[in-house]
Each structure stands twice: as C-alpha cells, then as structure tokens.
C-alpha cells in the first residue's frame, strides 16, 4: 500500500509559485500513481 500524503499545501506559496506547486502536487502524484499503480494499492490525500 502507498499512502500518498506528500505535496505542498502552503496556499500562499503555491499561488506565488505555480510551477513549483504543479511539480509538488501534480507531477509527484502522477509519478506515484504511474509507478505504484500496478504493484500496490494507493491512498491519495
């Protein structure tokens, strides 16, 4: 099982740095889903 609780939840930072926010909150989630999706259950927070 993968519990994916990582990401940048700092709203002020994310609004000022959308590229960094996308990397932390989208690209990371995509990589976790793609890599672990066939070998583990994933819980995404």
ModelCIF file with pLDDT and N, C-alpha, C, O atoms, coordinates in Angstrom:
data_MODEL
#
_entry.id   MODEL 
#
_entity.id                         1 
_entity.type                       polymer 
_entity.pdbx_number_of_molecules   1 
#
_entity_poly.entity_id                      1 
_entity_poly.type                           'polypeptide(L)' 
_entity_poly.nstd_linkage                   no 
_entity_poly.nstd_monomer                   no 
_entity_poly.pdbx_seq_one_letter_code       
;(UNK)(UNK)(UNK)(UNK)(UNK)(UNK)(UNK)(UNK)(UNK)(UNK)(UNK)(UNK)(UNK)(UNK)(UNK)(UNK)
(UNK)(UNK)(UNK)(UNK)(UNK)(UNK)(UNK)(UNK)(UNK)(UNK)(UNK)(UNK)(UNK)(UNK)(UNK)(UNK)
(UNK)(UNK)(UNK)(UNK)(UNK)(UNK)(UNK)(UNK)(UNK)(UNK)(UNK)(UNK)(UNK)
;
_entity_poly.pdbx_seq_one_letter_code_can   XXXXXXXXXXXXXXXXXXXXXXXXXXXXXXXXXXXXXXXXXXXXX 
_entity_poly.pdbx_strand_id                 A 
#
loop_
_entity_poly_seq.entity_id 
_entity_poly_seq.num 
_entity_poly_seq.mon_id 
_entity_poly_seq.hetero 
1 1  UNK n 
1 2  UNK n 
1 3  UNK n 
1 4  UNK n 
1 5  UNK n 
1 6  UNK n 
1 7  UNK n 
1 8  UNK n 
1 9  UNK n 
1 10 UNK n 
1 11 UNK n 
1 12 UNK n 
1 13 UNK n 
1 14 UNK n 
1 15 UNK n 
1 16 UNK n 
1 17 UNK n 
1 18 UNK n 
1 19 UNK n 
1 20 UNK n 
1 21 UNK n 
1 22 UNK n 
1 23 UNK n 
1 24 UNK n 
1 25 UNK n 
1 26 UNK n 
1 27 UNK n 
1 28 UNK n 
1 29 UNK n 
1 30 UNK n 
1 31 UNK n 
1 32 UNK n 
1 33 UNK n 
1 34 UNK n 
1 35 UNK n 
1 36 UNK n 
1 37 UNK n 
1 38 UNK n 
1 39 UNK n 
1 40 UNK n 
1 41 UNK n 
1 42 UNK n 
1 43 UNK n 
1 44 UNK n 
1 45 UNK n 
#
_struct_asym.id          A 
_struct_asym.entity_id   1 
#
loop_
_ma_qa_metric.id 
_ma_qa_metric.mode 
_ma_qa_metric.name 
_ma_qa_metric.software_group_id 
_ma_qa_metric.type 
1 global pLDDT . pLDDT 
2 local  pLDDT . pLDDT 
#
_ma_qa_metric_global.metric_id      1 
_ma_qa_metric_global.metric_value   93.93 
_ma_qa_metric_global.model_id       1 
_ma_qa_metric_global.ordinal_id     1 
#
loop_
_ma_qa_metric_local.label_asym_id 
_ma_qa_metric_local.label_comp_id 
_ma_qa_metric_local.label_seq_id 
_ma_qa_metric_local.metric_id 
_ma_qa_metric_local.metric_value 
_ma_qa_metric_local.model_id 
_ma_qa_metric_local.ordinal_id 
A UNK 1  2 98.00 1 1  
A UNK 2  2 98.00 1 2  
A UNK 3  2 98.00 1 3  
A UNK 4  2 96.00 1 4  
A UNK 5  2 94.00 1 5  
A UNK 6  2 93.00 1 6  
A UNK 7  2 91.00 1 7  
A UNK 8  2 90.00 1 8  
A UNK 9  2 85.00 1 9  
A UNK 10 2 87.00 1 10 
A UNK 11 2 84.00 1 11 
A UNK 12 2 90.00 1 12 
A UNK 13 2 92.00 1 13 
A UNK 14 2 89.00 1 14 
A UNK 15 2 89.00 1 15 
A UNK 16 2 96.00 1 16 
A UNK 17 2 96.00 1 17 
A UNK 18 2 94.00 1 18 
A UNK 19 2 96.00 1 19 
A UNK 20 2 94.00 1 20 
A UNK 21 2 92.00 1 21 
A UNK 22 2 94.00 1 22 
A UNK 23 2 95.00 1 23 
A UNK 24 2 93.00 1 24 
A UNK 25 2 92.00 1 25 
A UNK 26 2 93.00 1 26 
A UNK 27 2 96.00 1 27 
A UNK 28 2 96.00 1 28 
A UNK 29 2 95.00 1 29 
A UNK 30 2 97.00 1 30 
A UNK 31 2 97.00 1 31 
A UNK 32 2 97.00 1 32 
A UNK 33 2 97.00 1 33 
A UNK 34 2 97.00 1 34 
A UNK 35 2 97.00 1 35 
A UNK 36 2 97.00 1 36 
A UNK 37 2 94.00 1 37 
A UNK 38 2 94.00 1 38 
A UNK 39 2 94.00 1 39 
A UNK 40 2 97.00 1 40 
A UNK 41 2 97.00 1 41 
A UNK 42 2 97.00 1 42 
A UNK 43 2 96.00 1 43 
A UNK 44 2 94.00 1 44 
A UNK 45 2 89.00 1 45 
#
loop_
_atom_site.group_PDB 
_atom_site.id 
_atom_site.type_symbol 
_atom_site.label_atom_id 
_atom_site.label_alt_id 
_atom_site.label_comp_id 
_atom_site.label_asym_id 
_atom_site.label_entity_id 
_atom_site.label_seq_id 
_atom_site.pdbx_PDB_ins_code 
_atom_site.Cartn_x 
_atom_site.Cartn_y 
_atom_site.Cartn_z 
_atom_site.occupancy 
_atom_site.B_iso_or_equiv 
_atom_site.pdbx_formal_charge 
_atom_site.auth_seq_id 
_atom_site.auth_comp_id 
_atom_site.auth_asym_id 
_atom_site.auth_atom_id 
_atom_site.pdbx_PDB_model_num 
ATOM 1   N N  . UNK A 1 1  ? 0.853  -1.197 0.000   1.00 98.00 ? 1  UNK A N  1 
ATOM 2   C CA . UNK A 1 1  ? 0.000  0.000  0.000   1.00 98.00 ? 1  UNK A CA 1 
ATOM 3   C C  . UNK A 1 1  ? 0.885  1.241  0.000   1.00 98.00 ? 1  UNK A C  1 
ATOM 4   O O  . UNK A 1 1  ? 1.908  1.285  0.682   1.00 98.00 ? 1  UNK A O  1 
ATOM 5   N N  . UNK A 1 2  ? 0.483  2.243  -0.767  1.00 98.00 ? 2  UNK A N  1 
ATOM 6   C CA . UNK A 1 2  ? 1.143  3.548  -0.742  1.00 98.00 ? 2  UNK A CA 1 
ATOM 7   C C  . UNK A 1 2  ? 0.116  4.553  -0.241  1.00 98.00 ? 2  UNK A C  1 
ATOM 8   O O  . UNK A 1 2  ? -0.976 4.663  -0.799  1.00 98.00 ? 2  UNK A O  1 
ATOM 9   N N  . UNK A 1 3  ? 0.463  5.277  0.798   1.00 98.00 ? 3  UNK A N  1 
ATOM 10  C CA . UNK A 1 3  ? -0.355 6.395  1.257   1.00 98.00 ? 3  UNK A CA 1 
ATOM 11  C C  . UNK A 1 3  ? 0.380  7.655  0.809   1.00 98.00 ? 3  UNK A C  1 
ATOM 12  O O  . UNK A 1 3  ? 1.431  8.006  1.346   1.00 98.00 ? 3  UNK A O  1 
ATOM 13  N N  . UNK A 1 4  ? -0.196 8.326  -0.186  1.00 96.00 ? 4  UNK A N  1 
ATOM 14  C CA . UNK A 1 4  ? 0.459  9.496  -0.774  1.00 96.00 ? 4  UNK A CA 1 
ATOM 15  C C  . UNK A 1 4  ? -0.080 10.759 -0.109  1.00 96.00 ? 4  UNK A C  1 
ATOM 16  O O  . UNK A 1 4  ? -1.125 11.289 -0.487  1.00 96.00 ? 4  UNK A O  1 
ATOM 17  N N  . UNK A 1 5  ? 0.664  11.225 0.890   1.00 94.00 ? 5  UNK A N  1 
ATOM 18  C CA . UNK A 1 5  ? 0.280  12.427 1.629   1.00 94.00 ? 5  UNK A CA 1 
ATOM 19  C C  . UNK A 1 5  ? 1.236  13.575 1.346   1.00 94.00 ? 5  UNK A C  1 
ATOM 20  O O  . UNK A 1 5  ? 1.147  14.625 1.983   1.00 94.00 ? 5  UNK A O  1 
ATOM 21  N N  . UNK A 1 6  ? 2.150  13.388 0.397   1.00 93.00 ? 6  UNK A N  1 
ATOM 22  C CA . UNK A 1 6  ? 3.135  14.420 0.077   1.00 93.00 ? 6  UNK A CA 1 
ATOM 23  C C  . UNK A 1 6  ? 2.528  15.494 -0.812  1.00 93.00 ? 6  UNK A C  1 
ATOM 24  O O  . UNK A 1 6  ? 1.567  15.249 -1.541  1.00 93.00 ? 6  UNK A O  1 
ATOM 25  N N  . UNK A 1 7  ? 3.093  16.661 -0.740  1.00 91.00 ? 7  UNK A N  1 
ATOM 26  C CA . UNK A 1 7  ? 2.662  17.775 -1.579  1.00 91.00 ? 7  UNK A CA 1 
ATOM 27  C C  . UNK A 1 7  ? 2.894  19.077 -0.847  1.00 91.00 ? 7  UNK A C  1 
ATOM 28  O O  . UNK A 1 7  ? 3.178  19.087 0.351   1.00 91.00 ? 7  UNK A O  1 
ATOM 29  N N  . UNK A 1 8  ? 2.774  20.157 -1.560  1.00 90.00 ? 8  UNK A N  1 
ATOM 30  C CA . UNK A 1 8  ? 2.923  21.473 -0.948  1.00 90.00 ? 8  UNK A CA 1 
ATOM 31  C C  . UNK A 1 8  ? 1.529  22.037 -0.698  1.00 90.00 ? 8  UNK A C  1 
ATOM 32  O O  . UNK A 1 8  ? 0.811  22.390 -1.634  1.00 90.00 ? 8  UNK A O  1 
ATOM 33  N N  . UNK A 1 9  ? 1.162  22.117 0.565   1.00 85.00 ? 9  UNK A N  1 
ATOM 34  C CA . UNK A 1 9  ? -0.171 22.599 0.939   1.00 85.00 ? 9  UNK A CA 1 
ATOM 35  C C  . UNK A 1 9  ? -0.181 24.069 1.323   1.00 85.00 ? 9  UNK A C  1 
ATOM 36  O O  . UNK A 1 9  ? -1.214 24.584 1.750   1.00 85.00 ? 9  UNK A O  1 
ATOM 37  N N  . UNK A 1 10 ? 0.947  24.757 1.180   1.00 87.00 ? 10 UNK A N  1 
ATOM 38  C CA . UNK A 1 10 ? 1.041  26.170 1.528   1.00 87.00 ? 10 UNK A CA 1 
ATOM 39  C C  . UNK A 1 10 ? 0.400  26.989 0.404   1.00 87.00 ? 10 UNK A C  1 
ATOM 40  O O  . UNK A 1 10 ? 1.019  27.213 -0.636  1.00 87.00 ? 10 UNK A O  1 
ATOM 41  N N  . UNK A 1 11 ? -0.819 27.426 0.614   1.00 84.00 ? 11 UNK A N  1 
ATOM 42  C CA . UNK A 1 11 ? -1.598 28.099 -0.423  1.00 84.00 ? 11 UNK A CA 1 
ATOM 43  C C  . UNK A 1 11 ? -0.902 29.360 -0.927  1.00 84.00 ? 11 UNK A C  1 
ATOM 44  O O  . UNK A 1 11 ? -0.846 29.596 -2.134  1.00 84.00 ? 11 UNK A O  1 
ATOM 45  N N  . UNK A 1 12 ? -0.378 30.160 -0.026  1.00 90.00 ? 12 UNK A N  1 
ATOM 46  C CA . UNK A 1 12 ? 0.312  31.385 -0.431  1.00 90.00 ? 12 UNK A CA 1 
ATOM 47  C C  . UNK A 1 12 ? 1.501  31.091 -1.334  1.00 90.00 ? 12 UNK A C  1 
ATOM 48  O O  . UNK A 1 12 ? 1.688  31.744 -2.361  1.00 90.00 ? 12 UNK A O  1 
ATOM 49  N N  . UNK A 1 13 ? 2.302  30.102 -0.946  1.00 92.00 ? 13 UNK A N  1 
ATOM 50  C CA . UNK A 1 13 ? 3.448  29.714 -1.772  1.00 92.00 ? 13 UNK A CA 1 
ATOM 51  C C  . UNK A 1 13 ? 2.989  29.204 -3.128  1.00 92.00 ? 13 UNK A C  1 
ATOM 52  O O  . UNK A 1 13 ? 3.542  29.592 -4.158  1.00 92.00 ? 13 UNK A O  1 
ATOM 53  N N  . UNK A 1 14 ? 1.990  28.345 -3.137  1.00 89.00 ? 14 UNK A N  1 
ATOM 54  C CA . UNK A 1 14 ? 1.505  27.753 -4.385  1.00 89.00 ? 14 UNK A CA 1 
ATOM 55  C C  . UNK A 1 14 ? 0.955  28.809 -5.340  1.00 89.00 ? 14 UNK A C  1 
ATOM 56  O O  . UNK A 1 14 ? 1.154  28.714 -6.551  1.00 89.00 ? 14 UNK A O  1 
ATOM 57  N N  . UNK A 1 15 ? 0.269  29.809 -4.806  1.00 89.00 ? 15 UNK A N  1 
ATOM 58  C CA . UNK A 1 15 ? -0.263 30.873 -5.657  1.00 89.00 ? 15 UNK A CA 1 
ATOM 59  C C  . UNK A 1 15 ? 0.861  31.721 -6.248  1.00 89.00 ? 15 UNK A C  1 
ATOM 60  O O  . UNK A 1 15 ? 0.750  32.192 -7.380  1.00 89.00 ? 15 UNK A O  1 
ATOM 61  N N  . UNK A 1 16 ? 1.931  31.917 -5.498  1.00 96.00 ? 16 UNK A N  1 
ATOM 62  C CA . UNK A 1 16 ? 3.046  32.732 -5.980  1.00 96.00 ? 16 UNK A CA 1 
ATOM 63  C C  . UNK A 1 16 ? 4.022  31.938 -6.854  1.00 96.00 ? 16 UNK A C  1 
ATOM 64  O O  . UNK A 1 16 ? 4.747  32.522 -7.659  1.00 96.00 ? 16 UNK A O  1 
ATOM 65  N N  . UNK A 1 17 ? 4.043  30.622 -6.700  1.00 96.00 ? 17 UNK A N  1 
ATOM 66  C CA . UNK A 1 17 ? 4.982  29.755 -7.423  1.00 96.00 ? 17 UNK A CA 1 
ATOM 67  C C  . UNK A 1 17 ? 4.224  28.599 -8.080  1.00 96.00 ? 17 UNK A C  1 
ATOM 68  O O  . UNK A 1 17 ? 4.372  27.450 -7.663  1.00 96.00 ? 17 UNK A O  1 
ATOM 69  N N  . UNK A 1 18 ? 3.422  28.890 -9.094  1.00 94.00 ? 18 UNK A N  1 
ATOM 70  C CA . UNK A 1 18 ? 2.584  27.837 -9.689  1.00 94.00 ? 18 UNK A CA 1 
ATOM 71  C C  . UNK A 1 18 ? 3.370  26.685 -10.308 1.00 94.00 ? 18 UNK A C  1 
ATOM 72  O O  . UNK A 1 18 ? 2.892  25.551 -10.301 1.00 94.00 ? 18 UNK A O  1 
ATOM 73  N N  . UNK A 1 19 ? 4.554  26.943 -10.837 1.00 96.00 ? 19 UNK A N  1 
ATOM 74  C CA . UNK A 1 19 ? 5.353  25.856 -11.416 1.00 96.00 ? 19 UNK A CA 1 
ATOM 75  C C  . UNK A 1 19 ? 5.831  24.889 -10.335 1.00 96.00 ? 19 UNK A C  1 
ATOM 76  O O  . UNK A 1 19 ? 5.787  23.672 -10.514 1.00 96.00 ? 19 UNK A O  1 
ATOM 77  N N  . UNK A 1 20 ? 6.286  25.441 -9.213  1.00 94.00 ? 20 UNK A N  1 
ATOM 78  C CA . UNK A 1 20 ? 6.707  24.600 -8.094  1.00 94.00 ? 20 UNK A CA 1 
ATOM 79  C C  . UNK A 1 20 ? 5.517  23.837 -7.511  1.00 94.00 ? 20 UNK A C  1 
ATOM 80  O O  . UNK A 1 20 ? 5.642  22.669 -7.145  1.00 94.00 ? 20 UNK A O  1 
ATOM 81  N N  . UNK A 1 21 ? 4.373  24.497 -7.428  1.00 92.00 ? 21 UNK A N  1 
ATOM 82  C CA . UNK A 1 21 ? 3.166  23.852 -6.919  1.00 92.00 ? 21 UNK A CA 1 
ATOM 83  C C  . UNK A 1 21 ? 2.744  22.697 -7.821  1.00 92.00 ? 21 UNK A C  1 
ATOM 84  O O  . UNK A 1 21 ? 2.364  21.631 -7.336  1.00 92.00 ? 21 UNK A O  1 
ATOM 85  N N  . UNK A 1 22 ? 2.812  22.910 -9.126  1.00 94.00 ? 22 UNK A N  1 
ATOM 86  C CA . UNK A 1 22 ? 2.457  21.854 -10.078 1.00 94.00 ? 22 UNK A CA 1 
ATOM 87  C C  . UNK A 1 22 ? 3.399  20.667 -9.934  1.00 94.00 ? 22 UNK A C  1 
ATOM 88  O O  . UNK A 1 22 ? 2.967  19.514 -9.961  1.00 94.00 ? 22 UNK A O  1 
ATOM 89  N N  . UNK A 1 23 ? 4.665  20.949 -9.783  1.00 95.00 ? 23 UNK A N  1 
ATOM 90  C CA . UNK A 1 23 ? 5.665  19.881 -9.626  1.00 95.00 ? 23 UNK A CA 1 
ATOM 91  C C  . UNK A 1 23 ? 5.405  19.067 -8.356  1.00 95.00 ? 23 UNK A C  1 
ATOM 92  O O  . UNK A 1 23 ? 5.421  17.836 -8.390  1.00 95.00 ? 23 UNK A O  1 
ATOM 93  N N  . UNK A 1 24 ? 5.169  19.750 -7.250  1.00 93.00 ? 24 UNK A N  1 
ATOM 94  C CA . UNK A 1 24 ? 4.979  19.071 -5.963  1.00 93.00 ? 24 UNK A CA 1 
ATOM 95  C C  . UNK A 1 24 ? 3.632  18.367 -5.862  1.00 93.00 ? 24 UNK A C  1 
ATOM 96  O O  . UNK A 1 24 ? 3.538  17.283 -5.287  1.00 93.00 ? 24 UNK A O  1 
ATOM 97  N N  . UNK A 1 25 ? 2.592  18.978 -6.418  1.00 92.00 ? 25 UNK A N  1 
ATOM 98  C CA . UNK A 1 25 ? 1.241  18.447 -6.210  1.00 92.00 ? 25 UNK A CA 1 
ATOM 99  C C  . UNK A 1 25 ? 0.704  17.635 -7.375  1.00 92.00 ? 25 UNK A C  1 
ATOM 100 O O  . UNK A 1 25 ? -0.160 16.782 -7.175  1.00 92.00 ? 25 UNK A O  1 
ATOM 101 N N  . UNK A 1 26 ? 1.183  17.871 -8.570  1.00 93.00 ? 26 UNK A N  1 
ATOM 102 C CA . UNK A 1 26 ? 0.681  17.137 -9.739  1.00 93.00 ? 26 UNK A CA 1 
ATOM 103 C C  . UNK A 1 26 ? 1.683  16.116 -10.251 1.00 93.00 ? 26 UNK A C  1 
ATOM 104 O O  . UNK A 1 26 ? 1.378  14.926 -10.334 1.00 93.00 ? 26 UNK A O  1 
ATOM 105 N N  . UNK A 1 27 ? 2.885  16.582 -10.597 1.00 96.00 ? 27 UNK A N  1 
ATOM 106 C CA . UNK A 1 27 ? 3.870  15.657 -11.142 1.00 96.00 ? 27 UNK A CA 1 
ATOM 107 C C  . UNK A 1 27 ? 4.201  14.545 -10.157 1.00 96.00 ? 27 UNK A C  1 
ATOM 108 O O  . UNK A 1 27 ? 4.338  13.390 -10.559 1.00 96.00 ? 27 UNK A O  1 
ATOM 109 N N  . UNK A 1 28 ? 4.330  14.868 -8.898  1.00 96.00 ? 28 UNK A N  1 
ATOM 110 C CA . UNK A 1 28 ? 4.632  13.847 -7.890  1.00 96.00 ? 28 UNK A CA 1 
ATOM 111 C C  . UNK A 1 28 ? 3.499  12.820 -7.812  1.00 96.00 ? 28 UNK A C  1 
ATOM 112 O O  . UNK A 1 28 ? 3.757  11.617 -7.765  1.00 96.00 ? 28 UNK A O  1 
ATOM 113 N N  . UNK A 1 29 ? 2.256  13.285 -7.797  1.00 95.00 ? 29 UNK A N  1 
ATOM 114 C CA . UNK A 1 29 ? 1.110  12.365 -7.722  1.00 95.00 ? 29 UNK A CA 1 
ATOM 115 C C  . UNK A 1 29 ? 1.032  11.485 -8.967  1.00 95.00 ? 29 UNK A C  1 
ATOM 116 O O  . UNK A 1 29 ? 0.727  10.296 -8.869  1.00 95.00 ? 29 UNK A O  1 
ATOM 117 N N  . UNK A 1 30 ? 1.305  12.060 -10.128 1.00 97.00 ? 30 UNK A N  1 
ATOM 118 C CA . UNK A 1 30 ? 1.304  11.288 -11.376 1.00 97.00 ? 30 UNK A CA 1 
ATOM 119 C C  . UNK A 1 30 ? 2.375  10.207 -11.320 1.00 97.00 ? 30 UNK A C  1 
ATOM 120 O O  . UNK A 1 30 ? 2.116  9.059  -11.680 1.00 97.00 ? 30 UNK A O  1 
ATOM 121 N N  . UNK A 1 31 ? 3.574  10.563 -10.873 1.00 97.00 ? 31 UNK A N  1 
ATOM 122 C CA . UNK A 1 31 ? 4.659  9.585  -10.791 1.00 97.00 ? 31 UNK A CA 1 
ATOM 123 C C  . UNK A 1 31 ? 4.350  8.466  -9.805  1.00 97.00 ? 31 UNK A C  1 
ATOM 124 O O  . UNK A 1 31 ? 4.629  7.300  -10.083 1.00 97.00 ? 31 UNK A O  1 
ATOM 125 N N  . UNK A 1 32 ? 3.787  8.806  -8.674  1.00 97.00 ? 32 UNK A N  1 
ATOM 126 C CA . UNK A 1 32 ? 3.424  7.791  -7.687  1.00 97.00 ? 32 UNK A CA 1 
ATOM 127 C C  . UNK A 1 32 ? 2.352  6.860  -8.258  1.00 97.00 ? 32 UNK A C  1 
ATOM 128 O O  . UNK A 1 32 ? 2.459  5.640  -8.137  1.00 97.00 ? 32 UNK A O  1 
ATOM 129 N N  . UNK A 1 33 ? 1.334  7.428  -8.871  1.00 97.00 ? 33 UNK A N  1 
ATOM 130 C CA . UNK A 1 33 ? 0.256  6.617  -9.442  1.00 97.00 ? 33 UNK A CA 1 
ATOM 131 C C  . UNK A 1 33 ? 0.767  5.717  -10.562 1.00 97.00 ? 33 UNK A C  1 
ATOM 132 O O  . UNK A 1 33 ? 0.435  4.533  -10.615 1.00 97.00 ? 33 UNK A O  1 
ATOM 133 N N  . UNK A 1 34 ? 1.562  6.273  -11.441 1.00 97.00 ? 34 UNK A N  1 
ATOM 134 C CA . UNK A 1 34 ? 2.071  5.520  -12.585 1.00 97.00 ? 34 UNK A CA 1 
ATOM 135 C C  . UNK A 1 34 ? 3.006  4.391  -12.134 1.00 97.00 ? 34 UNK A C  1 
ATOM 136 O O  . UNK A 1 34 ? 2.917  3.270  -12.636 1.00 97.00 ? 34 UNK A O  1 
ATOM 137 N N  . UNK A 1 35 ? 3.888  4.686  -11.202 1.00 97.00 ? 35 UNK A N  1 
ATOM 138 C CA . UNK A 1 35 ? 4.887  3.719  -10.772 1.00 97.00 ? 35 UNK A CA 1 
ATOM 139 C C  . UNK A 1 35 ? 4.318  2.642  -9.857  1.00 97.00 ? 35 UNK A C  1 
ATOM 140 O O  . UNK A 1 35 ? 4.642  1.465  -10.016 1.00 97.00 ? 35 UNK A O  1 
ATOM 141 N N  . UNK A 1 36 ? 3.483  3.024  -8.912  1.00 97.00 ? 36 UNK A N  1 
ATOM 142 C CA . UNK A 1 36 ? 2.988  2.069  -7.928  1.00 97.00 ? 36 UNK A CA 1 
ATOM 143 C C  . UNK A 1 36 ? 1.618  1.495  -8.283  1.00 97.00 ? 36 UNK A C  1 
ATOM 144 O O  . UNK A 1 36 ? 1.171  0.539  -7.648  1.00 97.00 ? 36 UNK A O  1 
ATOM 145 N N  . UNK A 1 37 ? 0.949  2.056  -9.276  1.00 94.00 ? 37 UNK A N  1 
ATOM 146 C CA . UNK A 1 37 ? -0.421 1.660  -9.596  1.00 94.00 ? 37 UNK A CA 1 
ATOM 147 C C  . UNK A 1 37 ? -0.617 0.200  -9.940  1.00 94.00 ? 37 UNK A C  1 
ATOM 148 O O  . UNK A 1 37 ? -1.703 -0.341 -9.729  1.00 94.00 ? 37 UNK A O  1 
ATOM 149 N N  . UNK A 1 38 ? 0.403  -0.448 -10.462 1.00 94.00 ? 38 UNK A N  1 
ATOM 150 C CA . UNK A 1 38 ? 0.277  -1.863 -10.826 1.00 94.00 ? 38 UNK A CA 1 
ATOM 151 C C  . UNK A 1 38 ? 0.814  -2.804 -9.756  1.00 94.00 ? 38 UNK A C  1 
ATOM 152 O O  . UNK A 1 38 ? 0.622  -4.017 -9.849  1.00 94.00 ? 38 UNK A O  1 
ATOM 153 N N  . UNK A 1 39 ? 1.490  -2.260 -8.733  1.00 94.00 ? 39 UNK A N  1 
ATOM 154 C CA . UNK A 1 39 ? 2.091  -3.144 -7.725  1.00 94.00 ? 39 UNK A CA 1 
ATOM 155 C C  . UNK A 1 39 ? 1.532  -2.941 -6.320  1.00 94.00 ? 39 UNK A C  1 
ATOM 156 O O  . UNK A 1 39 ? 1.794  -3.750 -5.430  1.00 94.00 ? 39 UNK A O  1 
ATOM 157 N N  . UNK A 1 40 ? 0.767  -1.876 -6.112  1.00 97.00 ? 40 UNK A N  1 
ATOM 158 C CA . UNK A 1 40 ? 0.272  -1.582 -4.761  1.00 97.00 ? 40 UNK A CA 1 
ATOM 159 C C  . UNK A 1 40 ? -1.064 -0.853 -4.823  1.00 97.00 ? 40 UNK A C  1 
ATOM 160 O O  . UNK A 1 40 ? -1.416 -0.248 -5.836  1.00 97.00 ? 40 UNK A O  1 
ATOM 161 N N  . UNK A 1 41 ? -1.781 -0.922 -3.744  1.00 97.00 ? 41 UNK A N  1 
ATOM 162 C CA . UNK A 1 41 ? -2.972 -0.077 -3.587  1.00 97.00 ? 41 UNK A CA 1 
ATOM 163 C C  . UNK A 1 41 ? -2.483 1.315  -3.226  1.00 97.00 ? 41 UNK A C  1 
ATOM 164 O O  . UNK A 1 41 ? -1.498 1.463  -2.504  1.00 97.00 ? 41 UNK A O  1 
ATOM 165 N N  . UNK A 1 42 ? -3.173 2.342  -3.731  1.00 97.00 ? 42 UNK A N  1 
ATOM 166 C CA . UNK A 1 42 ? -2.759 3.717  -3.454  1.00 97.00 ? 42 UNK A CA 1 
ATOM 167 C C  . UNK A 1 42 ? -3.897 4.465  -2.766  1.00 97.00 ? 42 UNK A C  1 
ATOM 168 O O  . UNK A 1 42 ? -5.044 4.445  -3.212  1.00 97.00 ? 42 UNK A O  1 
ATOM 169 N N  . UNK A 1 43 ? -3.544 5.115  -1.680  1.00 96.00 ? 43 UNK A N  1 
ATOM 170 C CA . UNK A 1 43 ? -4.466 6.015  -0.995  1.00 96.00 ? 43 UNK A CA 1 
ATOM 171 C C  . UNK A 1 43 ? -3.887 7.409  -1.169  1.00 96.00 ? 43 UNK A C  1 
ATOM 172 O O  . UNK A 1 43 ? -2.752 7.674  -0.773  1.00 96.00 ? 43 UNK A O  1 
ATOM 173 N N  . UNK A 1 44 ? -4.677 8.303  -1.767  1.00 94.00 ? 44 UNK A N  1 
ATOM 174 C CA . UNK A 1 44 ? -4.213 9.651  -2.064  1.00 94.00 ? 44 UNK A CA 1 
ATOM 175 C C  . UNK A 1 44 ? -4.935 10.649 -1.183  1.00 94.00 ? 44 UNK A C  1 
ATOM 176 O O  . UNK A 1 44 ? -6.165 10.679 -1.136  1.00 94.00 ? 44 UNK A O  1 
ATOM 177 N N  . UNK A 1 45 ? -4.157 11.467 -0.481  1.00 89.00 ? 45 UNK A N  1 
ATOM 178 C CA . UNK A 1 45 ? -4.725 12.512 0.364   1.00 89.00 ? 45 UNK A CA 1 
ATOM 179 C C  . UNK A 1 45 ? -4.445 13.856 -0.280  1.00 89.00 ? 45 UNK A C  1 
ATOM 180 O O  . UNK A 1 45 ? -4.833 14.892 0.259   1.00 89.00 ? 45 UNK A O  1 
#
